[in-house]
N, C-alpha and C. Protein backbone atom coordinates (compact mmCIF):
# COMPACT_ATOMS: atom_id res chain seq x y z
N MET A 1 -7.62 11.95 -22.90
CA MET A 1 -6.57 13.17 -23.05
C MET A 1 -5.27 12.78 -22.46
N PRO A 2 -4.26 12.86 -23.22
CA PRO A 2 -3.08 12.35 -22.88
C PRO A 2 -2.39 13.37 -21.62
N LEU A 3 -1.68 12.64 -20.79
CA LEU A 3 -1.10 13.31 -19.56
C LEU A 3 0.08 14.20 -20.05
N THR A 4 -0.05 15.44 -19.47
CA THR A 4 1.22 16.34 -19.53
C THR A 4 2.44 15.67 -18.93
N GLN A 5 3.54 15.81 -19.56
CA GLN A 5 4.72 15.23 -18.76
C GLN A 5 5.95 16.02 -18.78
N TYR A 6 6.84 15.70 -18.03
CA TYR A 6 8.04 16.37 -17.91
C TYR A 6 9.06 15.22 -18.17
N ARG A 7 10.06 15.35 -18.97
CA ARG A 7 11.07 14.26 -19.22
C ARG A 7 12.52 14.74 -19.12
N ILE A 8 13.26 13.70 -18.59
CA ILE A 8 14.78 13.97 -18.53
C ILE A 8 15.38 12.75 -19.37
N ASP A 9 15.57 13.05 -20.57
CA ASP A 9 16.08 12.05 -21.50
C ASP A 9 17.45 11.79 -21.34
N ARG A 10 17.87 10.60 -21.24
CA ARG A 10 19.14 10.15 -21.29
C ARG A 10 19.66 9.30 -22.50
N ASP A 11 20.72 9.72 -23.19
CA ASP A 11 21.09 9.16 -24.49
C ASP A 11 21.58 7.52 -24.05
N GLY A 12 20.99 6.78 -24.79
CA GLY A 12 21.32 5.39 -24.60
C GLY A 12 20.64 4.59 -23.42
N ALA A 13 19.90 5.37 -22.68
CA ALA A 13 19.27 4.64 -21.50
C ALA A 13 18.28 3.60 -22.02
N ASP A 14 18.35 2.42 -21.37
CA ASP A 14 17.54 1.40 -21.78
C ASP A 14 16.62 0.95 -20.73
N ARG A 15 16.12 1.87 -19.74
CA ARG A 15 15.35 1.66 -18.55
C ARG A 15 14.64 3.05 -18.39
N LEU A 16 13.46 2.90 -17.86
CA LEU A 16 12.69 4.17 -17.54
C LEU A 16 12.32 4.26 -16.10
N LEU A 17 12.18 5.40 -15.66
CA LEU A 17 11.78 5.78 -14.32
C LEU A 17 10.70 6.69 -14.43
N PHE A 18 9.51 6.20 -13.81
CA PHE A 18 8.20 7.01 -13.81
C PHE A 18 8.01 7.59 -12.46
N LEU A 19 7.78 8.86 -12.37
CA LEU A 19 7.80 9.48 -11.05
C LEU A 19 6.43 10.22 -11.00
N MET A 20 5.58 9.95 -9.88
CA MET A 20 4.30 10.59 -9.93
C MET A 20 4.25 11.52 -8.55
N HIS A 21 3.78 12.68 -8.87
CA HIS A 21 3.78 13.68 -7.81
C HIS A 21 2.69 13.43 -6.84
N GLY A 22 2.81 14.27 -5.71
CA GLY A 22 1.70 14.20 -4.75
C GLY A 22 0.53 15.24 -4.99
N TYR A 23 -0.50 15.48 -4.25
CA TYR A 23 -1.50 16.33 -4.30
C TYR A 23 -1.03 17.73 -4.18
N THR A 24 -1.50 18.52 -5.19
CA THR A 24 -1.21 20.14 -5.20
C THR A 24 0.26 20.21 -5.84
N ALA A 25 1.03 19.17 -6.07
CA ALA A 25 2.20 19.42 -6.64
C ALA A 25 2.04 19.35 -8.20
N GLU A 26 3.21 19.14 -8.89
CA GLU A 26 3.10 19.01 -10.45
C GLU A 26 4.25 18.13 -10.89
N GLN A 27 4.38 18.09 -12.32
CA GLN A 27 5.18 17.15 -12.87
C GLN A 27 6.73 17.41 -12.76
N HIS A 28 7.08 18.67 -12.20
CA HIS A 28 8.47 19.02 -12.04
C HIS A 28 8.87 18.61 -10.62
N HIS A 29 7.93 18.16 -9.67
CA HIS A 29 8.26 18.04 -8.30
C HIS A 29 9.56 16.99 -8.08
N LEU A 30 9.21 15.70 -8.40
CA LEU A 30 10.20 14.70 -8.13
C LEU A 30 11.29 14.76 -9.30
N ALA A 31 10.87 15.20 -10.36
CA ALA A 31 11.77 15.17 -11.39
C ALA A 31 13.06 16.03 -11.18
N SER A 32 12.84 17.02 -10.24
CA SER A 32 13.94 17.84 -9.93
C SER A 32 15.09 17.27 -9.15
N TYR A 33 14.63 16.02 -8.57
CA TYR A 33 15.67 15.19 -7.80
C TYR A 33 16.38 14.16 -8.62
N VAL A 34 16.08 14.13 -10.02
CA VAL A 34 16.65 13.06 -10.93
C VAL A 34 18.15 13.09 -10.91
N PRO A 35 18.67 14.25 -11.15
CA PRO A 35 20.22 14.41 -11.27
C PRO A 35 20.85 13.76 -9.96
N LEU A 36 20.22 13.91 -8.85
CA LEU A 36 20.71 13.40 -7.61
C LEU A 36 20.58 11.87 -7.51
N VAL A 37 19.32 11.35 -7.72
CA VAL A 37 19.06 10.01 -7.55
C VAL A 37 19.78 9.12 -8.58
N ASP A 38 19.92 9.60 -9.74
CA ASP A 38 20.39 8.87 -10.91
C ASP A 38 21.58 9.64 -11.70
N PRO A 39 22.54 9.82 -10.78
CA PRO A 39 23.76 10.67 -11.35
C PRO A 39 24.53 9.82 -12.52
N ASP A 40 24.44 8.64 -12.71
CA ASP A 40 25.02 7.94 -13.85
C ASP A 40 24.14 7.89 -15.09
N GLU A 41 22.91 8.49 -14.96
CA GLU A 41 22.10 8.62 -16.09
C GLU A 41 21.73 7.26 -16.63
N ARG A 42 21.51 6.31 -15.87
CA ARG A 42 21.02 5.04 -16.37
C ARG A 42 19.57 4.98 -16.77
N PHE A 43 18.73 5.81 -16.27
CA PHE A 43 17.23 5.94 -16.52
C PHE A 43 16.87 7.14 -17.29
N THR A 44 15.97 7.00 -18.25
CA THR A 44 15.29 8.16 -18.71
C THR A 44 14.10 8.41 -17.80
N ALA A 45 13.89 9.61 -17.26
CA ALA A 45 12.84 9.84 -16.16
C ALA A 45 11.68 10.56 -16.88
N ILE A 46 10.48 10.04 -16.64
CA ILE A 46 9.30 10.68 -17.10
C ILE A 46 8.29 10.92 -15.91
N ALA A 47 8.02 12.18 -15.96
CA ALA A 47 7.12 12.51 -14.69
C ALA A 47 5.76 13.23 -15.34
N PRO A 48 4.73 12.42 -15.20
CA PRO A 48 3.41 12.84 -15.64
C PRO A 48 2.75 13.85 -14.63
N ARG A 49 1.85 14.67 -15.15
CA ARG A 49 1.11 15.50 -14.41
C ARG A 49 -0.32 14.84 -14.18
N GLY A 50 -0.79 15.04 -12.92
CA GLY A 50 -2.11 14.50 -12.57
C GLY A 50 -3.05 15.19 -13.45
N PRO A 51 -4.15 14.57 -13.69
CA PRO A 51 -5.25 15.08 -14.45
C PRO A 51 -6.17 16.23 -13.93
N ILE A 52 -6.14 16.27 -12.74
CA ILE A 52 -6.95 17.31 -11.97
C ILE A 52 -6.20 18.50 -11.62
N ASP A 53 -6.45 19.55 -12.22
CA ASP A 53 -5.88 20.90 -11.90
C ASP A 53 -6.42 21.47 -10.68
N MET A 54 -5.56 22.13 -9.83
CA MET A 54 -6.06 22.78 -8.67
C MET A 54 -6.88 24.08 -9.05
N PRO A 55 -7.91 24.30 -8.15
CA PRO A 55 -8.62 25.57 -8.49
C PRO A 55 -7.88 26.88 -8.78
N ASP A 56 -6.82 27.10 -8.05
CA ASP A 56 -6.02 28.25 -8.23
C ASP A 56 -5.03 28.17 -9.41
N GLY A 57 -5.11 27.09 -10.05
CA GLY A 57 -4.28 26.83 -11.20
C GLY A 57 -2.82 26.36 -10.87
N ASP A 58 -2.49 26.17 -9.71
CA ASP A 58 -1.11 26.00 -9.10
C ASP A 58 -1.00 24.67 -8.63
N GLY A 59 -0.51 23.60 -9.50
CA GLY A 59 -0.47 22.20 -9.02
C GLY A 59 -1.57 21.45 -9.59
N ALA A 60 -1.51 20.09 -9.29
CA ALA A 60 -2.45 19.25 -9.88
C ALA A 60 -2.64 18.00 -8.79
N GLY A 61 -3.51 17.09 -9.14
CA GLY A 61 -3.81 15.99 -8.40
C GLY A 61 -4.31 14.79 -9.16
N TRP A 62 -4.30 13.62 -8.60
CA TRP A 62 -4.80 12.47 -9.21
C TRP A 62 -6.38 12.02 -8.76
N TRP A 63 -6.58 12.59 -7.61
CA TRP A 63 -7.91 12.55 -7.18
C TRP A 63 -8.12 13.61 -6.17
N THR A 64 -9.28 14.07 -5.81
CA THR A 64 -9.45 15.22 -5.09
C THR A 64 -9.51 14.91 -3.53
N ILE A 65 -8.76 15.91 -2.73
CA ILE A 65 -8.75 15.55 -1.31
C ILE A 65 -9.07 16.99 -0.61
N ASP A 66 -9.99 16.87 0.39
CA ASP A 66 -10.40 18.10 1.13
C ASP A 66 -9.23 18.32 2.05
N VAL A 67 -8.52 19.29 1.92
CA VAL A 67 -7.27 19.50 2.81
C VAL A 67 -7.60 19.95 4.18
N GLN A 68 -8.68 20.20 4.39
CA GLN A 68 -9.17 20.44 5.97
C GLN A 68 -9.57 19.25 6.56
N THR A 69 -10.34 18.37 5.94
CA THR A 69 -10.83 17.24 6.53
C THR A 69 -10.12 15.84 6.09
N PHE A 70 -9.31 16.01 5.12
CA PHE A 70 -8.60 14.82 4.66
C PHE A 70 -9.58 13.78 3.93
N GLU A 71 -10.81 14.22 3.62
CA GLU A 71 -11.75 13.40 2.97
C GLU A 71 -11.44 13.31 1.49
N HIS A 72 -11.33 11.96 0.89
CA HIS A 72 -10.88 11.79 -0.36
C HIS A 72 -12.08 11.54 -1.32
N ASP A 73 -12.14 12.05 -2.61
CA ASP A 73 -13.11 11.70 -3.55
C ASP A 73 -12.50 10.57 -4.37
N TRP A 74 -12.97 9.31 -3.81
CA TRP A 74 -12.23 8.25 -4.50
C TRP A 74 -12.89 7.83 -5.73
N SER A 75 -13.87 8.58 -6.20
CA SER A 75 -14.61 8.31 -7.70
C SER A 75 -13.46 8.58 -8.68
N ARG A 76 -12.42 9.49 -8.38
CA ARG A 76 -11.50 9.78 -9.50
C ARG A 76 -10.20 8.86 -9.30
N PHE A 77 -10.15 8.01 -8.41
CA PHE A 77 -8.97 7.21 -8.24
C PHE A 77 -8.74 6.09 -9.38
N VAL A 78 -9.72 5.36 -9.65
CA VAL A 78 -9.47 4.36 -10.57
C VAL A 78 -9.39 4.95 -12.04
N PRO A 79 -10.29 5.98 -12.33
CA PRO A 79 -9.89 6.50 -13.78
C PRO A 79 -8.54 6.98 -13.85
N SER A 80 -7.97 7.64 -12.75
CA SER A 80 -6.49 8.20 -12.88
C SER A 80 -5.59 7.14 -12.96
N LEU A 81 -5.94 5.97 -12.25
CA LEU A 81 -4.94 4.87 -12.24
C LEU A 81 -4.81 4.33 -13.63
N GLU A 82 -6.04 4.03 -14.19
CA GLU A 82 -6.04 3.50 -15.59
C GLU A 82 -5.43 4.27 -16.55
N MET A 83 -5.70 5.70 -16.44
CA MET A 83 -5.05 6.57 -17.30
C MET A 83 -3.51 6.45 -17.23
N LEU A 84 -3.03 6.41 -16.00
CA LEU A 84 -1.55 6.44 -15.74
C LEU A 84 -1.04 5.01 -16.15
N GLU A 85 -1.73 4.05 -16.00
CA GLU A 85 -1.29 2.69 -16.49
C GLU A 85 -1.05 2.70 -18.00
N GLU A 86 -2.02 3.23 -18.71
CA GLU A 86 -2.05 3.38 -20.23
C GLU A 86 -0.81 4.24 -20.56
N PHE A 87 -0.73 5.30 -19.90
CA PHE A 87 0.31 6.29 -20.19
C PHE A 87 1.70 5.60 -20.02
N ILE A 88 2.03 4.79 -19.03
CA ILE A 88 3.18 4.18 -18.89
C ILE A 88 3.49 3.13 -19.98
N ALA A 89 2.40 2.37 -20.29
CA ALA A 89 2.53 1.40 -21.28
C ALA A 89 2.87 2.05 -22.60
N ASN A 90 2.19 3.10 -22.93
CA ASN A 90 2.58 3.70 -24.17
C ASN A 90 3.86 4.38 -24.33
N GLU A 91 4.44 5.00 -23.21
CA GLU A 91 5.71 5.52 -23.18
C GLU A 91 6.81 4.52 -23.18
N ALA A 92 6.48 3.38 -22.73
CA ALA A 92 7.52 2.36 -22.70
C ALA A 92 7.50 1.81 -24.14
N ASP A 93 6.37 1.64 -24.69
CA ASP A 93 6.25 1.16 -26.02
C ASP A 93 7.07 2.07 -27.02
N LYS A 94 6.79 3.39 -26.93
CA LYS A 94 7.53 4.35 -27.87
C LYS A 94 8.97 4.35 -27.59
N ALA A 95 9.24 4.07 -26.30
CA ALA A 95 10.90 4.10 -26.15
C ALA A 95 11.52 2.69 -26.44
N GLY A 96 10.69 1.62 -26.61
CA GLY A 96 11.15 0.32 -27.04
C GLY A 96 11.64 -0.37 -25.76
N VAL A 97 11.21 0.02 -24.63
CA VAL A 97 11.74 -0.50 -23.28
C VAL A 97 10.51 -1.38 -22.76
N PRO A 98 10.78 -2.60 -22.39
CA PRO A 98 9.86 -3.57 -21.75
C PRO A 98 9.38 -2.93 -20.38
N LEU A 99 8.31 -3.19 -20.04
CA LEU A 99 7.70 -2.76 -18.70
C LEU A 99 8.64 -3.30 -17.63
N GLU A 100 9.11 -4.50 -17.90
CA GLU A 100 9.92 -5.05 -16.87
C GLU A 100 11.16 -4.36 -16.81
N ARG A 101 11.61 -3.38 -17.43
CA ARG A 101 12.69 -2.42 -17.21
C ARG A 101 12.18 -0.96 -16.85
N CYS A 102 11.05 -1.00 -16.25
CA CYS A 102 10.61 0.28 -15.80
C CYS A 102 10.30 0.36 -14.29
N VAL A 103 10.82 1.44 -13.62
CA VAL A 103 10.53 1.57 -12.24
C VAL A 103 9.44 2.64 -12.00
N VAL A 104 8.68 2.32 -11.21
CA VAL A 104 7.45 3.22 -10.79
C VAL A 104 7.58 3.74 -9.40
N GLY A 105 7.56 5.05 -9.25
CA GLY A 105 7.74 5.73 -7.97
C GLY A 105 6.87 6.99 -7.76
N GLY A 106 6.71 7.37 -6.61
CA GLY A 106 6.00 8.52 -6.35
C GLY A 106 5.78 9.02 -4.92
N PHE A 107 5.42 10.14 -4.70
CA PHE A 107 5.42 10.75 -3.33
C PHE A 107 3.86 10.94 -3.02
N SER A 108 3.33 10.46 -1.74
CA SER A 108 2.15 10.81 -1.30
C SER A 108 1.01 10.14 -2.17
N GLN A 109 0.06 10.88 -2.97
CA GLN A 109 -0.66 10.16 -3.83
C GLN A 109 0.16 9.52 -4.90
N GLY A 110 1.14 9.95 -5.37
CA GLY A 110 1.95 9.26 -6.25
C GLY A 110 2.57 7.94 -5.74
N GLY A 111 2.94 7.90 -4.53
CA GLY A 111 3.47 6.58 -3.88
C GLY A 111 2.26 5.56 -3.80
N PHE A 112 1.16 6.15 -3.34
CA PHE A 112 -0.03 5.25 -3.27
C PHE A 112 -0.26 4.77 -4.65
N LEU A 113 -0.17 5.56 -5.82
CA LEU A 113 -0.44 5.03 -7.01
C LEU A 113 0.64 4.09 -7.60
N SER A 114 1.88 4.24 -7.08
CA SER A 114 2.87 3.36 -7.48
C SER A 114 2.66 1.90 -6.90
N LEU A 115 2.22 1.84 -5.73
CA LEU A 115 1.89 0.63 -5.03
C LEU A 115 0.64 -0.02 -5.75
N ALA A 116 -0.33 0.91 -6.02
CA ALA A 116 -1.39 0.36 -6.82
C ALA A 116 -1.22 -0.13 -8.23
N LEU A 117 -0.19 0.43 -8.93
CA LEU A 117 0.16 -0.02 -10.32
C LEU A 117 0.80 -1.47 -10.06
N ALA A 118 1.57 -1.62 -9.10
CA ALA A 118 2.34 -2.91 -8.87
C ALA A 118 1.41 -3.93 -8.29
N GLY A 119 0.25 -3.60 -7.74
CA GLY A 119 -0.58 -4.66 -7.05
C GLY A 119 -1.91 -4.74 -7.78
N LYS A 120 -2.19 -3.86 -8.86
CA LYS A 120 -3.39 -4.17 -9.60
C LYS A 120 -3.45 -5.44 -10.24
N ALA A 121 -4.63 -6.02 -10.42
CA ALA A 121 -4.84 -7.29 -11.07
C ALA A 121 -4.29 -7.22 -12.50
N GLY A 122 -3.43 -8.20 -12.84
CA GLY A 122 -2.98 -8.24 -14.23
C GLY A 122 -1.79 -7.27 -14.43
N ALA A 123 -1.31 -6.68 -13.28
CA ALA A 123 -0.11 -5.66 -13.61
C ALA A 123 0.92 -6.34 -14.03
N PRO A 124 1.79 -5.45 -14.91
CA PRO A 124 3.01 -5.89 -15.43
C PRO A 124 4.00 -6.19 -14.24
N ARG A 125 5.15 -6.84 -14.57
CA ARG A 125 6.08 -7.09 -13.45
C ARG A 125 7.12 -5.92 -13.49
N TYR A 126 6.78 -4.79 -13.04
CA TYR A 126 7.68 -3.56 -12.93
C TYR A 126 8.87 -3.93 -12.50
N ALA A 127 10.10 -3.42 -12.80
CA ALA A 127 11.44 -3.71 -12.23
C ALA A 127 11.54 -3.19 -10.76
N GLY A 128 10.85 -2.29 -10.43
CA GLY A 128 10.89 -1.84 -8.96
C GLY A 128 9.74 -0.92 -8.63
N VAL A 129 9.71 -0.71 -7.27
CA VAL A 129 8.54 0.31 -6.84
C VAL A 129 9.22 1.09 -5.81
N TRP A 130 9.05 2.49 -5.94
CA TRP A 130 9.55 3.36 -4.98
C TRP A 130 8.41 4.17 -4.39
N ALA A 131 8.08 4.13 -3.15
CA ALA A 131 6.81 4.66 -2.50
C ALA A 131 7.37 5.58 -1.29
N ILE A 132 6.99 6.89 -1.38
CA ILE A 132 7.39 7.86 -0.49
C ILE A 132 6.07 8.45 0.33
N CYS A 133 6.26 8.34 1.62
CA CYS A 133 5.14 9.04 2.44
C CYS A 133 3.66 8.65 2.06
N CYS A 134 3.38 7.46 1.99
CA CYS A 134 2.06 7.02 1.51
C CYS A 134 1.64 5.87 2.29
N SER A 135 0.28 5.40 2.25
CA SER A 135 -0.16 4.32 2.84
C SER A 135 -0.44 3.27 1.69
N LEU A 136 -0.86 2.15 2.09
CA LEU A 136 -1.40 1.03 1.12
C LEU A 136 -2.51 1.58 0.43
N PRO A 137 -2.66 1.07 -0.87
CA PRO A 137 -3.96 1.60 -1.68
C PRO A 137 -5.29 1.12 -1.05
N GLY A 138 -5.93 2.14 -0.38
CA GLY A 138 -7.06 1.80 0.35
C GLY A 138 -8.33 2.26 -0.20
N ALA A 139 -8.39 2.47 -1.46
CA ALA A 139 -9.61 3.10 -2.17
C ALA A 139 -10.72 2.04 -2.08
N PRO A 140 -11.93 2.33 -1.83
CA PRO A 140 -13.13 1.43 -1.73
C PRO A 140 -13.26 0.83 -3.13
N ASP A 141 -13.50 -0.55 -3.08
CA ASP A 141 -13.83 -1.39 -4.39
C ASP A 141 -12.70 -1.39 -5.24
N PHE A 142 -11.41 -1.16 -4.72
CA PHE A 142 -10.16 -1.45 -5.52
C PHE A 142 -9.44 -2.54 -4.85
N GLU A 143 -9.36 -3.64 -5.62
CA GLU A 143 -8.50 -4.79 -5.22
C GLU A 143 -7.25 -4.90 -5.62
N PHE A 144 -6.28 -5.11 -4.74
CA PHE A 144 -4.93 -5.05 -5.11
C PHE A 144 -4.26 -6.30 -4.28
N ASP A 145 -3.16 -6.72 -5.05
CA ASP A 145 -2.32 -7.87 -4.32
C ASP A 145 -0.92 -7.72 -4.56
N LEU A 146 -0.07 -7.35 -3.65
CA LEU A 146 1.23 -7.32 -3.70
C LEU A 146 2.04 -8.51 -3.39
N SER A 147 1.45 -9.70 -3.42
CA SER A 147 2.13 -10.89 -3.02
C SER A 147 3.02 -11.57 -4.14
N ASP A 148 3.12 -10.83 -5.18
CA ASP A 148 4.10 -11.62 -6.17
C ASP A 148 5.19 -10.71 -6.44
N GLY A 149 5.87 -10.28 -5.38
CA GLY A 149 7.13 -9.55 -5.31
C GLY A 149 8.32 -10.39 -5.93
N ASP A 150 8.46 -11.58 -5.43
CA ASP A 150 9.32 -12.45 -6.16
C ASP A 150 10.72 -11.88 -6.09
N GLY A 151 11.13 -11.33 -5.12
CA GLY A 151 12.51 -10.76 -4.92
C GLY A 151 12.75 -9.39 -5.72
N ARG A 152 11.70 -8.77 -6.33
CA ARG A 152 11.99 -7.45 -6.95
C ARG A 152 12.21 -6.41 -5.95
N PRO A 153 12.99 -5.44 -6.24
CA PRO A 153 13.22 -4.35 -5.30
C PRO A 153 12.22 -3.30 -5.11
N ALA A 154 11.98 -3.03 -3.87
CA ALA A 154 10.94 -1.93 -3.49
C ALA A 154 11.73 -1.00 -2.42
N LEU A 155 11.38 0.28 -2.56
CA LEU A 155 11.80 1.20 -1.50
C LEU A 155 10.72 1.87 -1.06
N PHE A 156 10.64 1.91 0.36
CA PHE A 156 9.64 2.76 1.04
C PHE A 156 10.31 3.71 2.06
N GLN A 157 9.89 4.97 1.95
CA GLN A 157 10.48 6.03 2.77
C GLN A 157 9.42 6.89 3.23
N TRP A 158 9.47 7.23 4.63
CA TRP A 158 8.38 8.01 5.12
C TRP A 158 8.91 8.98 6.34
N GLY A 159 8.03 10.01 6.73
CA GLY A 159 8.43 10.82 7.86
C GLY A 159 7.91 10.24 9.14
N ALA A 160 8.83 10.32 10.11
CA ALA A 160 8.41 9.71 11.44
C ALA A 160 7.36 10.71 12.07
N LYS A 161 7.36 12.04 11.48
CA LYS A 161 6.31 12.89 12.13
C LYS A 161 5.23 13.20 11.17
N ASP A 162 4.81 12.41 10.21
CA ASP A 162 3.98 12.65 9.15
C ASP A 162 2.61 12.57 9.74
N PRO A 163 1.73 13.62 9.67
CA PRO A 163 0.42 13.58 10.19
C PRO A 163 -0.59 13.20 9.12
N VAL A 164 -0.08 13.16 7.90
CA VAL A 164 -1.06 12.88 6.72
C VAL A 164 -1.38 11.40 6.74
N ILE A 165 -0.34 10.54 6.67
CA ILE A 165 -0.53 9.13 6.52
C ILE A 165 -0.86 8.47 7.90
N GLY A 166 -0.58 9.10 9.05
CA GLY A 166 -0.92 8.53 10.26
C GLY A 166 0.23 7.56 10.91
N PRO A 167 0.19 7.09 11.96
CA PRO A 167 1.26 6.27 12.62
C PRO A 167 1.20 4.97 12.24
N ASP A 168 0.15 4.45 11.78
CA ASP A 168 -0.04 2.88 11.50
C ASP A 168 0.36 2.58 10.05
N ALA A 169 0.17 3.51 9.23
CA ALA A 169 0.45 3.28 7.70
C ALA A 169 1.89 2.56 7.31
N PRO A 170 2.91 3.22 7.84
CA PRO A 170 4.19 2.65 7.58
C PRO A 170 4.44 1.18 7.85
N ALA A 171 3.94 0.80 9.03
CA ALA A 171 4.22 -0.61 9.48
C ALA A 171 3.32 -1.62 8.41
N GLU A 172 2.14 -1.09 8.05
CA GLU A 172 1.16 -1.91 7.13
C GLU A 172 1.91 -2.00 5.76
N VAL A 173 2.50 -0.85 5.22
CA VAL A 173 3.23 -0.99 4.05
C VAL A 173 4.32 -1.87 3.99
N ILE A 174 5.11 -1.79 4.98
CA ILE A 174 6.29 -2.73 5.28
C ILE A 174 6.01 -4.09 5.35
N SER A 175 5.04 -4.43 6.27
CA SER A 175 4.67 -5.81 6.36
C SER A 175 3.99 -6.38 5.20
N THR A 176 3.30 -5.64 4.40
CA THR A 176 2.55 -6.07 3.15
C THR A 176 3.74 -6.45 2.12
N LEU A 177 4.62 -5.49 2.02
CA LEU A 177 5.70 -5.79 0.85
C LEU A 177 6.60 -6.83 1.43
N GLN A 178 6.93 -6.98 2.62
CA GLN A 178 7.71 -8.06 3.01
C GLN A 178 7.22 -9.44 2.94
N ALA A 179 5.85 -9.49 3.25
CA ALA A 179 5.09 -10.65 3.17
C ALA A 179 4.95 -11.15 1.54
N GLY A 180 4.87 -10.10 0.79
CA GLY A 180 4.73 -10.50 -0.63
C GLY A 180 5.92 -10.71 -1.33
N GLY A 181 7.10 -10.91 -0.67
CA GLY A 181 8.33 -11.39 -1.18
C GLY A 181 9.11 -10.27 -1.97
N TRP A 182 8.73 -9.04 -1.76
CA TRP A 182 9.50 -7.95 -2.23
C TRP A 182 10.99 -7.77 -1.64
N ASN A 183 11.93 -7.50 -2.28
CA ASN A 183 13.20 -7.13 -1.58
C ASN A 183 13.07 -5.59 -1.28
N LEU A 184 12.73 -5.64 0.02
CA LEU A 184 12.31 -4.16 0.66
C LEU A 184 13.39 -3.56 1.24
N ASP A 185 13.68 -2.29 0.96
CA ASP A 185 14.48 -1.28 1.63
C ASP A 185 13.56 -0.27 2.27
N HIS A 186 13.57 -0.06 3.48
CA HIS A 186 12.77 1.09 4.03
C HIS A 186 13.52 1.85 5.06
N HIS A 187 13.06 3.07 5.11
CA HIS A 187 13.71 4.16 5.94
C HIS A 187 12.71 5.13 6.46
N ALA A 188 12.86 5.44 7.77
CA ALA A 188 12.28 6.60 8.35
C ALA A 188 13.12 7.74 8.41
N TYR A 189 12.47 9.05 8.39
CA TYR A 189 13.27 10.14 8.48
C TYR A 189 12.63 11.13 9.45
N GLU A 190 13.47 11.96 10.27
CA GLU A 190 12.89 12.98 11.08
C GLU A 190 12.22 14.13 10.35
N MET A 191 11.12 13.90 9.85
CA MET A 191 10.27 14.95 9.14
C MET A 191 8.87 14.68 9.14
N ALA A 192 8.10 15.56 8.59
CA ALA A 192 6.68 15.42 8.38
C ALA A 192 6.43 14.77 7.01
N HIS A 193 5.42 15.35 6.21
CA HIS A 193 5.03 14.80 4.93
C HIS A 193 5.89 15.74 3.91
N SER A 194 7.02 15.18 3.66
CA SER A 194 7.92 15.98 2.85
C SER A 194 9.02 15.09 2.29
N GLN A 195 10.07 15.84 1.91
CA GLN A 195 11.33 14.99 1.32
C GLN A 195 12.58 15.78 1.87
N THR A 196 13.72 14.94 1.99
CA THR A 196 14.95 15.55 2.40
C THR A 196 15.94 15.12 1.48
N ILE A 197 17.07 15.75 1.47
CA ILE A 197 18.27 15.40 0.56
C ILE A 197 18.76 14.08 1.08
N GLU A 198 18.78 13.79 2.46
CA GLU A 198 19.19 12.50 3.02
C GLU A 198 18.36 11.36 2.38
N MET A 199 17.07 11.66 2.23
CA MET A 199 16.13 10.71 1.63
C MET A 199 16.56 10.32 0.20
N MET A 200 16.82 11.30 -0.60
CA MET A 200 17.22 11.22 -1.93
C MET A 200 18.64 10.38 -2.15
N ILE A 201 19.46 10.68 -1.13
CA ILE A 201 20.75 9.99 -1.22
C ILE A 201 20.49 8.46 -0.92
N ASP A 202 19.62 8.14 -0.06
CA ASP A 202 19.34 6.69 0.18
C ASP A 202 18.66 6.15 -1.03
N ALA A 203 17.74 6.87 -1.70
CA ALA A 203 17.12 6.46 -2.88
C ALA A 203 18.17 6.22 -4.12
N ARG A 204 19.14 7.10 -4.01
CA ARG A 204 20.23 7.03 -5.14
C ARG A 204 21.00 5.60 -4.86
N ALA A 205 21.21 5.23 -3.79
CA ALA A 205 21.85 4.03 -3.43
C ALA A 205 21.01 2.83 -3.89
N TRP A 206 19.80 2.92 -3.59
CA TRP A 206 18.75 1.97 -3.88
C TRP A 206 18.61 1.82 -5.43
N LEU A 207 18.46 2.93 -6.07
CA LEU A 207 18.12 2.79 -7.62
C LEU A 207 19.41 2.33 -8.35
N SER A 208 20.48 2.54 -7.87
CA SER A 208 21.77 1.93 -8.36
C SER A 208 21.81 0.52 -8.48
N THR A 209 21.05 -0.14 -7.66
CA THR A 209 21.03 -1.62 -7.57
C THR A 209 19.89 -2.30 -8.45
N VAL A 210 19.08 -1.33 -8.89
CA VAL A 210 17.92 -1.86 -9.78
C VAL A 210 18.30 -2.10 -11.13
N LEU A 211 18.09 -3.27 -11.75
CA LEU A 211 18.42 -3.59 -13.04
C LEU A 211 19.95 -3.55 -13.19
């Protein structure tokens, strides 16, 4: 089943920005920031909706999380990742844009997925990775390798008061990307599990240097 998507098409754009939302959000979430992070309209932005609808019909997810215990149903992770990988490849092909000119980004579950897309065995060499408020891909039985950064740009942003990812996750993400040879830009913000305009202004500066 194809993923529902929200698009912001830019005439003449020869690069794509894929934005994956977090748990209980939906395809419009990060897309709403696109005019701020890409004011020069260099990218066509594509924001897919996760395949798992919330019980109340409001929002979606990529795998299920018990919001009381933070227990994850990892059985849905790999199917969602493979569905997303196929979606990105198909959209890039239809647009005539090589995957090497695509940036993958996301918040929370979406950030986790962005890192997983870049580190999955046989992954394309995406132009850049933007991860917000997430940890390293830690799903059981999923092997990933982020050691082939080769100077490609990566942006990691997180909240210094984020109780969801915990205090250790940011350092693990930073050290892994740096050790993997990514050209990493990273920022902490005085917030919890959220986004700020300041964060998006920093993302705008970073995205302007990609490609």
